[in-house]
Amino acid sequence: MSEADGRPSSATMVSRGASSSPAPCKSGIYEIRCLTTDKFYIGSSVDMRQRWAHHRARLNAGIHKNAHLQAAWNKYGEADFRFSILQFAERSELLRIEQEWLERTNCADRTIGFNIYEVAGSPGGSSVQVWEGFVSPDGVETTIVNLYDFCRQHSLDFPSMLKLAHGSGRIKSYKGWTHRNSPRSRPFCKTYTGFVAPDGSEVGPIFNLAAFCRAHGLEKSHMVALYHGKLLSHSGWTHVNARERIPSFRTYHGFVDPSGVPLVITNLKVFCEEHGLSVIHMHQVKSGQRISHKGWTWRTSSE
């Protein structure tokens, strides 16, 4: 491309397909050009090397969100595409400079380029939306201007952040980020009550058991089992409705040891382990399937 169509002739060609030198880990404006059709895509990133690797990975997997670029990649192959740096820019200036390139090259025109939208840093629309209600991992409520670009700059997944903002699905948090519309405040989110801490104090209600377990070094599956009475305790934690599981051992009055002395045995399993006996064989002696086991016999009360 020449000065006439908006691209300076001195733009740096960094990579053609997977070859050539790697893109620098710097912020700036870049171009992905199909050499056969001469159509191109313009974007910006705080780390152009990572961004180019991301584009290539998704294009090679056939899951790139830009259908026009994906179709050309599928048709002509990776080797027919060139990644070039158009301009280095500070992070704070990326959107403004990218917008200038979009307007200068008209790359959103289907006959010229692969860009889908005319607005820099936005997945659609002509204006940038302001998002309120997000809470950062350190607990600070944050207002975000242009969520799409914010996610790009902070290595966040846009769809996941969007679900948080809309309160859709069951996503409660993402990389520590939450939203006032997140499921923890919605009716279908499970609320747990009745847990008792190791010091004996009752804790609750708990609105996000997974986060609670992470904060206290507990296993969520064990705490759920504790809640439903399938466990008696977990790491010292109990539940007010935990099922009491007091062991009940049968007492046997008919066993006779090898010396002929009758013995009363409670908890046959433990007794056998302590005396080198087989629990199965001792049960067979009791039921009459065996006459004896290692000298042990069975004598009914009637005998």
C-alpha atoms as a PDB file:
ATOM      1  CA  MET A   1       0.000   0.000   0.000  1.00  0.00           C
ATOM      2  CA  SER A   2       1.228   3.505  -0.751  1.00  0.00           C
ATOM      3  CA  GLU A   3       0.720   6.962   0.694  1.00  0.00           C
ATOM      4  CA  ALA A   4      -2.290   7.347  -1.590  1.00  0.00           C
ATOM      5  CA  ASP A   5      -4.318   4.679   0.219  1.00  0.00           C
ATOM      6  CA  GLY A   6      -3.223   5.691   3.723  1.00  0.00           C
ATOM      7  CA  ARG A   7      -0.375   3.295   4.508  1.00  0.00           C
ATOM      8  CA  PRO A   8       3.159   4.676   4.593  1.00  0.00           C
ATOM      9  CA  SER A   9       5.570   2.855   2.342  1.00  0.00           C
ATOM     10  CA  SER A  10       7.981   2.525   5.279  1.00  0.00           C
ATOM     11  CA  ALA A  11       5.703   0.241   7.320  1.00  0.00           C
ATOM     12  CA  THR A  12       7.724  -2.569   8.858  1.00  0.00           C
ATOM     13  CA  MET A  13       6.996  -6.107   7.646  1.00  0.00           C
ATOM     14  CA  VAL A  14       7.573  -8.345  10.672  1.00  0.00           C
ATOM     15  CA  SER A  15       6.148 -11.723   9.788  1.00  0.00           C
ATOM     16  CA  ARG A  16       4.864 -13.585   6.774  1.00  0.00           C
ATOM     17  CA  GLY A  17       2.866 -16.547   8.018  1.00  0.00           C
ATOM     18  CA  ALA A  18       4.902 -18.256  10.708  1.00  0.00           C
ATOM     19  CA  SER A  19       8.247 -17.148   9.262  1.00  0.00           C
ATOM     20  CA  SER A  20      10.378 -14.009   9.496  1.00  0.00           C
ATOM     21  CA  SER A  21      11.277 -12.180  12.682  1.00  0.00           C
ATOM     22  CA  PRO A  22       8.790 -12.187  15.587  1.00  0.00           C
ATOM     23  CA  ALA A  23       6.651  -9.142  16.265  1.00  0.00           C
ATOM     24  CA  PRO A  24       7.952  -6.943  19.097  1.00  0.00           C
ATOM     25  CA  CYS A  25       6.333  -7.015  22.523  1.00  0.00           C
ATOM     26  CA  LYS A  26       5.316  -3.361  22.202  1.00  0.00           C
ATOM     27  CA  SER A  27       2.075  -1.455  21.857  1.00  0.00           C
ATOM     28  CA  GLY A  28       1.051  -0.083  18.513  1.00  0.00           C
ATOM     29  CA  ILE A  29      -1.021  -0.384  15.352  1.00  0.00           C
ATOM     30  CA  TYR A  30      -0.595  -3.411  13.101  1.00  0.00           C
ATOM     31  CA  GLU A  31      -1.816  -4.751   9.792  1.00  0.00           C
ATOM     32  CA  ILE A  32      -2.580  -8.288   8.585  1.00  0.00           C
ATOM     33  CA  ARG A  33      -2.530  -8.367   4.780  1.00  0.00           C
ATOM     34  CA  CYS A  34      -3.512 -11.073   2.311  1.00  0.00           C
ATOM     35  CA  LEU A  35      -0.906 -10.864  -0.452  1.00  0.00           C
ATOM     36  CA  THR A  36      -3.122 -12.447  -3.118  1.00  0.00           C
ATOM     37  CA  THR A  37      -6.146 -10.167  -2.701  1.00  0.00           C
ATOM     38  CA  ASP A  38      -4.291  -7.189  -1.137  1.00  0.00           C
ATOM     39  CA  LYS A  39      -7.080  -6.909   1.443  1.00  0.00           C
ATOM     40  CA  PHE A  40      -5.978  -6.142   4.980  1.00  0.00           C
ATOM     41  CA  TYR A  41      -7.058  -5.989   8.594  1.00  0.00           C
ATOM     42  CA  ILE A  42      -5.976  -3.197  10.944  1.00  0.00           C
ATOM     43  CA  GLY A  43      -5.874  -3.520  14.712  1.00  0.00           C
ATOM     44  CA  SER A  44      -4.088  -2.308  17.819  1.00  0.00           C
ATOM     45  CA  SER A  45      -2.613  -4.020  20.849  1.00  0.00           C
ATOM     46  CA  VAL A  46      -0.550  -3.347  23.950  1.00  0.00           C
ATOM     47  CA  ASP A  47       1.567  -6.380  22.972  1.00  0.00           C
ATOM     48  CA  MET A  48       1.719  -6.899  19.214  1.00  0.00           C
ATOM     49  CA  ARG A  49       3.676 -10.151  19.439  1.00  0.00           C
ATOM     50  CA  GLN A  50       1.057 -11.711  21.687  1.00  0.00           C
ATOM     51  CA  ARG A  51      -1.744 -10.313  19.541  1.00  0.00           C
ATOM     52  CA  TRP A  52      -0.302 -11.750  16.306  1.00  0.00           C
ATOM     53  CA  ALA A  53       0.147 -15.135  17.988  1.00  0.00           C
ATOM     54  CA  HIS A  54      -3.464 -14.967  19.179  1.00  0.00           C
ATOM     55  CA  HIS A  55      -4.728 -14.137  15.666  1.00  0.00           C
ATOM     56  CA  ARG A  56      -2.745 -16.985  14.103  1.00  0.00           C
ATOM     57  CA  ALA A  57      -3.818 -19.516  16.728  1.00  0.00           C
ATOM     58  CA  ARG A  58      -7.512 -18.781  16.254  1.00  0.00           C
ATOM     59  CA  LEU A  59      -7.242 -18.575  12.466  1.00  0.00           C
ATOM     60  CA  ASN A  60      -5.418 -21.902  12.283  1.00  0.00           C
ATOM     61  CA  ALA A  61      -8.059 -23.425  14.559  1.00  0.00           C
ATOM     62  CA  GLY A  62     -10.827 -22.000  12.342  1.00  0.00           C
ATOM     63  CA  ILE A  63     -12.491 -20.116  15.202  1.00  0.00           C
ATOM     64  CA  HIS A  64     -11.522 -16.491  14.521  1.00  0.00           C
ATOM     65  CA  LYS A  65     -14.349 -14.056  15.253  1.00  0.00           C
ATOM     66  CA  ASN A  66     -13.715 -12.184  11.984  1.00  0.00           C
ATOM     67  CA  ALA A  67     -15.459 -14.377   9.407  1.00  0.00           C
ATOM     68  CA  HIS A  68     -14.039 -12.446   6.405  1.00  0.00           C
ATOM     69  CA  LEU A  69     -10.443 -12.814   7.571  1.00  0.00           C
ATOM     70  CA  GLN A  70     -11.062 -16.447   8.488  1.00  0.00           C
ATOM     71  CA  ALA A  71     -12.478 -17.251   5.038  1.00  0.00           C
ATOM     72  CA  ALA A  72      -9.450 -15.724   3.286  1.00  0.00           C
ATOM     73  CA  TRP A  73      -7.057 -17.546   5.623  1.00  0.00           C
ATOM     74  CA  ASN A  74      -8.791 -20.845   4.883  1.00  0.00           C
ATOM     75  CA  LYS A  75      -8.652 -20.221   1.126  1.00  0.00           C
ATOM     76  CA  TYR A  76      -5.112 -18.890   0.664  1.00  0.00           C
ATOM     77  CA  GLY A  77      -3.290 -20.364   3.651  1.00  0.00           C
ATOM     78  CA  GLU A  78      -1.145 -18.884   6.409  1.00  0.00           C
ATOM     79  CA  ALA A  79       1.891 -18.343   4.157  1.00  0.00           C
ATOM     80  CA  ASP A  80      -0.072 -15.836   2.058  1.00  0.00           C
ATOM     81  CA  PHE A  81      -0.548 -13.425   4.982  1.00  0.00           C
ATOM     82  CA  ARG A  82       1.866 -10.762   6.189  1.00  0.00           C
ATOM     83  CA  PHE A  83       1.883  -9.102   9.584  1.00  0.00           C
ATOM     84  CA  SER A  84       3.236  -5.543   9.572  1.00  0.00           C
ATOM     85  CA  ILE A  85       3.712  -2.811  12.148  1.00  0.00           C
ATOM     86  CA  LEU A  86       2.108   0.413  11.015  1.00  0.00           C
ATOM     87  CA  GLN A  87       2.936   2.595  13.999  1.00  0.00           C
ATOM     88  CA  PHE A  88       4.178   2.287  17.561  1.00  0.00           C
ATOM     89  CA  ALA A  89       1.990   4.086  20.092  1.00  0.00           C
ATOM     90  CA  GLU A  90       1.593   4.553  23.826  1.00  0.00           C
ATOM     91  CA  ARG A  91      -1.171   2.536  25.412  1.00  0.00           C
ATOM     92  CA  SER A  92      -3.193   5.647  26.206  1.00  0.00           C
ATOM     93  CA  GLU A  93      -3.093   6.686  22.537  1.00  0.00           C
ATOM     94  CA  LEU A  94      -3.902   3.323  20.938  1.00  0.00           C
ATOM     95  CA  LEU A  95      -7.605   3.834  20.313  1.00  0.00           C
ATOM     96  CA  ARG A  96      -7.210   7.344  18.952  1.00  0.00           C
ATOM     97  CA  ILE A  97      -4.441   6.373  16.556  1.00  0.00           C
ATOM     98  CA  GLU A  98      -6.171   3.142  15.507  1.00  0.00           C
ATOM     99  CA  GLN A  99      -9.299   5.164  14.715  1.00  0.00           C
ATOM    100  CA  GLU A 100      -7.239   7.443  12.496  1.00  0.00           C
ATOM    101  CA  TRP A 101      -5.930   4.427  10.584  1.00  0.00           C
ATOM    102  CA  LEU A 102      -9.422   2.981  10.197  1.00  0.00           C
ATOM    103  CA  GLU A 103     -10.720   6.223   8.758  1.00  0.00           C
ATOM    104  CA  ARG A 104      -7.644   6.820   6.593  1.00  0.00           C
ATOM    105  CA  THR A 105      -7.645   3.355   4.987  1.00  0.00           C
ATOM    106  CA  ASN A 106     -11.412   2.702   4.947  1.00  0.00           C
ATOM    107  CA  CYS A 107     -10.578  -0.920   5.781  1.00  0.00           C
ATOM    108  CA  ALA A 108     -14.146  -1.632   6.962  1.00  0.00           C
ATOM    109  CA  ASP A 109     -15.189  -1.450   3.291  1.00  0.00           C
ATOM    110  CA  ARG A 110     -15.607  -5.070   2.157  1.00  0.00           C
ATOM    111  CA  THR A 111     -13.893  -4.333  -1.154  1.00  0.00           C
ATOM    112  CA  ILE A 112     -10.815  -2.954   0.648  1.00  0.00           C
ATOM    113  CA  GLY A 113     -10.267  -4.669   3.963  1.00  0.00           C
ATOM    114  CA  PHE A 114     -11.322  -7.287   6.478  1.00  0.00           C
ATOM    115  CA  ASN A 115     -12.318  -5.009   9.368  1.00  0.00           C
ATOM    116  CA  ILE A 116     -15.930  -5.488  10.413  1.00  0.00           C
ATOM    117  CA  TYR A 117     -16.462  -2.339  12.456  1.00  0.00           C
ATOM    118  CA  GLU A 118     -15.650   1.292  11.829  1.00  0.00           C
ATOM    119  CA  VAL A 119     -15.025   2.143  15.485  1.00  0.00           C
ATOM    120  CA  ALA A 120     -11.667   1.328  17.080  1.00  0.00           C
ATOM    121  CA  GLY A 121     -11.719  -0.949  20.090  1.00  0.00           C
ATOM    122  CA  SER A 122     -15.383  -1.830  19.804  1.00  0.00           C
ATOM    123  CA  PRO A 123     -17.016  -5.095  18.748  1.00  0.00           C
ATOM    124  CA  GLY A 124     -19.818  -3.130  17.118  1.00  0.00           C
ATOM    125  CA  GLY A 125     -21.860   0.042  17.123  1.00  0.00           C
ATOM    126  CA  SER A 126     -20.886   3.641  16.513  1.00  0.00           C
ATOM    127  CA  SER A 127     -20.460   4.683  20.133  1.00  0.00           C
ATOM    128  CA  VAL A 128     -18.599   3.359  23.149  1.00  0.00           C
ATOM    129  CA  GLN A 129     -20.729   2.150  26.061  1.00  0.00           C
ATOM    130  CA  VAL A 130     -19.991   2.998  29.671  1.00  0.00           C
ATOM    131  CA  TRP A 131     -20.232   0.011  32.014  1.00  0.00           C
ATOM    132  CA  GLU A 132     -20.962   0.538  35.707  1.00  0.00           C
ATOM    133  CA  GLY A 133     -21.143  -1.934  38.567  1.00  0.00           C
ATOM    134  CA  PHE A 134     -17.938  -3.901  38.038  1.00  0.00           C
ATOM    135  CA  VAL A 135     -15.934  -4.685  41.171  1.00  0.00           C
ATOM    136  CA  SER A 136     -12.185  -5.237  40.747  1.00  0.00           C
ATOM    137  CA  PRO A 137     -10.337  -8.127  42.455  1.00  0.00           C
ATOM    138  CA  ASP A 138      -9.258  -5.744  45.245  1.00  0.00           C
ATOM    139  CA  GLY A 139     -12.899  -4.820  45.971  1.00  0.00           C
ATOM    140  CA  VAL A 140     -13.059  -1.414  44.279  1.00  0.00           C
ATOM    141  CA  GLU A 141     -16.195  -0.641  42.253  1.00  0.00           C
ATOM    142  CA  THR A 142     -15.048   0.361  38.776  1.00  0.00           C
ATOM    143  CA  THR A 143     -16.681   2.202  35.892  1.00  0.00           C
ATOM    144  CA  ILE A 144     -15.370   0.964  32.536  1.00  0.00           C
ATOM    145  CA  VAL A 145     -15.481   2.951  29.323  1.00  0.00           C
ATOM    146  CA  ASN A 146     -15.321   0.612  26.321  1.00  0.00           C
ATOM    147  CA  LEU A 147     -15.446  -2.828  27.894  1.00  0.00           C
ATOM    148  CA  TYR A 148     -14.058  -4.554  24.805  1.00  0.00           C
ATOM    149  CA  ASP A 149     -10.851  -2.509  24.787  1.00  0.00           C
ATOM    150  CA  PHE A 150     -10.579  -2.714  28.577  1.00  0.00           C
ATOM    151  CA  CYS A 151     -10.578  -6.512  28.304  1.00  0.00           C
ATOM    152  CA  ARG A 152      -7.914  -6.418  25.593  1.00  0.00           C
ATOM    153  CA  GLN A 153      -5.641  -4.219  27.655  1.00  0.00           C
ATOM    154  CA  HIS A 154      -6.046  -6.248  30.861  1.00  0.00           C
ATOM    155  CA  SER A 155      -5.941  -9.738  29.294  1.00  0.00           C
ATOM    156  CA  LEU A 156      -9.571 -10.455  30.192  1.00  0.00           C
ATOM    157  CA  ASP A 157     -12.124 -12.456  28.243  1.00  0.00           C
ATOM    158  CA  PHE A 158     -14.763 -10.079  26.837  1.00  0.00           C
ATOM    159  CA  PRO A 159     -17.667 -12.629  26.723  1.00  0.00           C
ATOM    160  CA  SER A 160     -17.054 -13.595  30.366  1.00  0.00           C
ATOM    161  CA  MET A 161     -17.016  -9.969  31.515  1.00  0.00           C
ATOM    162  CA  LEU A 162     -20.139  -9.333  29.457  1.00  0.00           C
ATOM    163  CA  LYS A 163     -21.943 -12.215  31.178  1.00  0.00           C
ATOM    164  CA  LEU A 164     -20.961 -10.747  34.534  1.00  0.00           C
ATOM    165  CA  ALA A 165     -22.378  -7.359  33.559  1.00  0.00           C
ATOM    166  CA  HIS A 166     -25.649  -8.805  32.226  1.00  0.00           C
ATOM    167  CA  GLY A 167     -26.041 -11.268  35.072  1.00  0.00           C
ATOM    168  CA  SER A 168     -26.530 -14.039  32.514  1.00  0.00           C
ATOM    169  CA  GLY A 169     -25.602 -17.663  33.075  1.00  0.00           C
ATOM    170  CA  ARG A 170     -24.256 -18.859  36.415  1.00  0.00           C
ATOM    171  CA  ILE A 171     -20.890 -17.117  36.279  1.00  0.00           C
ATOM    172  CA  LYS A 172     -20.235 -15.499  39.678  1.00  0.00           C
ATOM    173  CA  SER A 173     -16.785 -14.050  39.086  1.00  0.00           C
ATOM    174  CA  TYR A 174     -14.036 -13.958  36.483  1.00  0.00           C
ATOM    175  CA  LYS A 175     -10.345 -13.623  37.415  1.00  0.00           C
ATOM    176  CA  GLY A 176     -11.420 -11.960  40.643  1.00  0.00           C
ATOM    177  CA  TRP A 177     -13.786  -9.515  38.913  1.00  0.00           C
ATOM    178  CA  THR A 178     -17.432  -9.456  39.993  1.00  0.00           C
ATOM    179  CA  HIS A 179     -20.470  -7.324  39.203  1.00  0.00           C
ATOM    180  CA  ARG A 180     -23.416  -6.169  41.232  1.00  0.00           C
ATOM    181  CA  ASN A 181     -25.598  -8.194  38.808  1.00  0.00           C
ATOM    182  CA  SER A 182     -23.606 -11.389  39.391  1.00  0.00           C
ATOM    183  CA  PRO A 183     -25.540 -14.528  40.434  1.00  0.00           C
ATOM    184  CA  ARG A 184     -24.607 -14.257  44.097  1.00  0.00           C
ATOM    185  CA  SER A 185     -27.473 -11.753  44.485  1.00  0.00           C
ATOM    186  CA  ARG A 186     -29.951 -13.621  42.304  1.00  0.00           C
ATOM    187  CA  PRO A 187     -32.573 -16.096  43.627  1.00  0.00           C
ATOM    188  CA  PHE A 188     -31.236 -19.222  41.857  1.00  0.00           C
ATOM    189  CA  CYS A 189     -27.803 -18.909  43.464  1.00  0.00           C
ATOM    190  CA  LYS A 190     -27.496 -21.505  46.238  1.00  0.00           C
ATOM    191  CA  THR A 191     -27.234 -20.030  49.720  1.00  0.00           C
ATOM    192  CA  TYR A 192     -25.729 -22.193  52.466  1.00  0.00           C
ATOM    193  CA  THR A 193     -26.516 -21.835  56.149  1.00  0.00           C
ATOM    194  CA  GLY A 194     -25.750 -23.853  59.255  1.00  0.00           C
ATOM    195  CA  PHE A 195     -22.012 -24.377  58.888  1.00  0.00           C
ATOM    196  CA  VAL A 196     -20.085 -24.433  62.169  1.00  0.00           C
ATOM    197  CA  ALA A 197     -16.442 -23.297  62.224  1.00  0.00           C
ATOM    198  CA  PRO A 198     -13.735 -25.236  64.098  1.00  0.00           C
ATOM    199  CA  ASP A 199     -14.028 -22.770  67.003  1.00  0.00           C
ATOM    200  CA  GLY A 200     -17.725 -23.664  67.420  1.00  0.00           C
ATOM    201  CA  SER A 201     -19.215 -20.486  65.966  1.00  0.00           C
ATOM    202  CA  GLU A 202     -21.990 -20.799  63.403  1.00  0.00           C
ATOM    203  CA  VAL A 203     -21.109 -19.170  60.070  1.00  0.00           C
ATOM    204  CA  GLY A 204     -23.473 -17.956  57.394  1.00  0.00           C
ATOM    205  CA  PRO A 205     -25.318 -17.393  55.285  1.00  0.00           C
ATOM    206  CA  ILE A 206     -22.727 -18.188  52.601  1.00  0.00           C
ATOM    207  CA  PHE A 207     -23.708 -16.874  49.150  1.00  0.00           C
ATOM    208  CA  ASN A 208     -20.704 -18.139  47.213  1.00  0.00           C
ATOM    209  CA  LEU A 209     -19.498 -21.427  48.651  1.00  0.00           C
ATOM    210  CA  ALA A 210     -16.727 -21.874  46.058  1.00  0.00           C
ATOM    211  CA  ALA A 211     -15.167 -18.495  46.895  1.00  0.00           C
ATOM    212  CA  PHE A 212     -15.629 -19.157  50.620  1.00  0.00           C
ATOM    213  CA  CYS A 213     -13.802 -22.501  50.330  1.00  0.00           C
ATOM    214  CA  ARG A 214     -10.940 -20.938  48.362  1.00  0.00           C
ATOM    215  CA  ALA A 215     -10.534 -18.245  51.008  1.00  0.00           C
ATOM    216  CA  HIS A 216     -10.477 -20.779  53.854  1.00  0.00           C
ATOM    217  CA  GLY A 217      -8.509 -23.597  52.199  1.00  0.00           C
ATOM    218  CA  LEU A 218     -11.487 -25.971  52.091  1.00  0.00           C
ATOM    219  CA  GLU A 219     -12.754 -28.457  49.502  1.00  0.00           C
ATOM    220  CA  LYS A 220     -16.113 -27.371  48.108  1.00  0.00           C
ATOM    221  CA  SER A 221     -17.214 -30.941  47.372  1.00  0.00           C
ATOM    222  CA  HIS A 222     -16.522 -31.918  51.002  1.00  0.00           C
ATOM    223  CA  MET A 223     -18.412 -28.910  52.327  1.00  0.00           C
ATOM    224  CA  VAL A 224     -21.398 -29.746  50.117  1.00  0.00           C
ATOM    225  CA  ALA A 225     -21.283 -33.335  51.394  1.00  0.00           C
ATOM    226  CA  LEU A 226     -21.124 -31.954  54.932  1.00  0.00           C
ATOM    227  CA  TYR A 227     -24.158 -29.750  54.207  1.00  0.00           C
ATOM    228  CA  HIS A 228     -26.155 -32.765  53.005  1.00  0.00           C
ATOM    229  CA  GLY A 229     -25.131 -34.915  55.956  1.00  0.00           C
ATOM    230  CA  LYS A 230     -22.862 -37.250  53.978  1.00  0.00           C
ATOM    231  CA  LEU A 231     -19.835 -36.212  56.039  1.00  0.00           C
ATOM    232  CA  LEU A 232     -19.594 -35.582  59.747  1.00  0.00           C
ATOM    233  CA  SER A 233     -16.796 -33.000  59.516  1.00  0.00           C
ATOM    234  CA  HIS A 234     -14.233 -31.468  57.165  1.00  0.00           C
ATOM    235  CA  SER A 235     -11.040 -29.794  58.419  1.00  0.00           C
ATOM    236  CA  GLY A 236     -12.773 -29.143  61.736  1.00  0.00           C
ATOM    237  CA  TRP A 237     -15.915 -27.711  60.093  1.00  0.00           C
ATOM    238  CA  THR A 238     -19.273 -29.287  60.914  1.00  0.00           C
ATOM    239  CA  HIS A 239     -22.915 -28.573  60.176  1.00  0.00           C
ATOM    240  CA  VAL A 240     -25.848 -28.182  62.536  1.00  0.00           C
ATOM    241  CA  ASN A 241     -27.820 -30.760  60.546  1.00  0.00           C
ATOM    242  CA  ALA A 242     -24.911 -33.169  60.011  1.00  0.00           C
ATOM    243  CA  ARG A 243     -26.019 -36.773  60.275  1.00  0.00           C
ATOM    244  CA  GLU A 244     -24.673 -38.428  63.399  1.00  0.00           C
ATOM    245  CA  ARG A 245     -22.830 -41.544  62.308  1.00  0.00           C
ATOM    246  CA  ILE A 246     -22.223 -43.410  65.541  1.00  0.00           C
ATOM    247  CA  PRO A 247     -20.722 -46.768  64.608  1.00  0.00           C
ATOM    248  CA  SER A 248     -22.809 -49.779  65.509  1.00  0.00           C
ATOM    249  CA  PHE A 249     -20.887 -53.050  65.892  1.00  0.00           C
ATOM    250  CA  ARG A 250     -22.489 -56.446  66.279  1.00  0.00           C
ATOM    251  CA  THR A 251     -21.508 -58.568  69.259  1.00  0.00           C
ATOM    252  CA  TYR A 252     -20.837 -62.285  68.743  1.00  0.00           C
ATOM    253  CA  HIS A 253     -21.267 -64.747  71.655  1.00  0.00           C
ATOM    254  CA  GLY A 254     -20.533 -68.111  70.015  1.00  0.00           C
ATOM    255  CA  PHE A 255     -16.904 -68.098  68.956  1.00  0.00           C
ATOM    256  CA  VAL A 256     -14.554 -70.533  70.669  1.00  0.00           C
ATOM    257  CA  ASP A 257     -10.790 -70.005  70.546  1.00  0.00           C
ATOM    258  CA  PRO A 258      -8.327 -72.832  69.683  1.00  0.00           C
ATOM    259  CA  SER A 259      -7.896 -73.661  73.394  1.00  0.00           C
ATOM    260  CA  GLY A 260     -11.631 -74.255  73.791  1.00  0.00           C
ATOM    261  CA  VAL A 261     -12.471 -71.037  75.626  1.00  0.00           C
ATOM    262  CA  PRO A 262     -15.674 -69.249  74.484  1.00  0.00           C
ATOM    263  CA  LEU A 263     -15.190 -65.540  73.739  1.00  0.00           C
ATOM    264  CA  VAL A 264     -17.513 -62.599  73.266  1.00  0.00           C
ATOM    265  CA  ILE A 265     -16.329 -60.533  70.291  1.00  0.00           C
ATOM    266  CA  THR A 266     -17.459 -56.995  69.477  1.00  0.00           C
ATOM    267  CA  ASN A 267     -16.348 -55.521  66.141  1.00  0.00           C
ATOM    268  CA  LEU A 268     -15.304 -58.717  64.411  1.00  0.00           C
ATOM    269  CA  LYS A 269     -13.323 -56.889  61.702  1.00  0.00           C
ATOM    270  CA  VAL A 270     -10.946 -55.233  64.158  1.00  0.00           C
ATOM    271  CA  PHE A 271     -10.635 -58.466  66.174  1.00  0.00           C
ATOM    272  CA  CYS A 272      -9.626 -60.416  63.060  1.00  0.00           C
ATOM    273  CA  GLU A 273      -7.082 -57.769  62.043  1.00  0.00           C
ATOM    274  CA  GLU A 274      -5.495 -57.917  65.511  1.00  0.00           C
ATOM    275  CA  HIS A 275      -5.336 -61.743  65.584  1.00  0.00           C
ATOM    276  CA  GLY A 276      -4.392 -62.467  61.975  1.00  0.00           C
ATOM    277  CA  LEU A 277      -7.762 -63.972  61.067  1.00  0.00           C
ATOM    278  CA  SER A 278      -9.952 -63.675  57.969  1.00  0.00           C
ATOM    279  CA  VAL A 279     -13.263 -61.905  58.522  1.00  0.00           C
ATOM    280  CA  ILE A 280     -14.827 -63.869  55.665  1.00  0.00           C
ATOM    281  CA  HIS A 281     -13.681 -67.216  57.036  1.00  0.00           C
ATOM    282  CA  MET A 282     -14.870 -66.336  60.534  1.00  0.00           C
ATOM    283  CA  HIS A 283     -18.312 -65.490  59.136  1.00  0.00           C
ATOM    284  CA  GLN A 284     -18.290 -68.812  57.300  1.00  0.00           C
ATOM    285  CA  VAL A 285     -17.484 -70.586  60.589  1.00  0.00           C
ATOM    286  CA  LYS A 286     -20.426 -68.823  62.226  1.00  0.00           C
ATOM    287  CA  SER A 287     -22.808 -69.699  59.390  1.00  0.00           C
ATOM    288  CA  GLY A 288     -21.705 -73.341  59.288  1.00  0.00           C
ATOM    289  CA  GLN A 289     -19.981 -73.171  55.904  1.00  0.00           C
ATOM    290  CA  ARG A 290     -16.698 -73.954  57.619  1.00  0.00           C
ATOM    291  CA  ILE A 291     -16.020 -76.238  60.558  1.00  0.00           C
ATOM    292  CA  SER A 292     -13.145 -74.115  61.823  1.00  0.00           C
ATOM    293  CA  HIS A 293     -10.695 -71.378  60.911  1.00  0.00           C
ATOM    294  CA  LYS A 294      -7.179 -71.522  62.398  1.00  0.00           C
ATOM    295  CA  GLY A 295      -8.567 -73.506  65.335  1.00  0.00           C
ATOM    296  CA  TRP A 296     -11.512 -71.177  65.920  1.00  0.00           C
ATOM    297  CA  THR A 297     -14.968 -72.758  65.979  1.00  0.00           C
ATOM    298  CA  TRP A 298     -18.523 -71.700  66.644  1.00  0.00           C
ATOM    299  CA  ARG A 299     -20.785 -72.999  69.364  1.00  0.00           C
ATOM    300  CA  THR A 300     -24.443 -72.073  69.453  1.00  0.00           C
ATOM    301  CA  SER A 301     -26.111 -71.252  72.753  1.00  0.00           C
ATOM    302  CA  SER A 302     -28.095 -74.494  72.595  1.00  0.00           C
ATOM    303  CA  GLU A 303     -24.857 -76.507  72.646  1.00  0.00           C
END
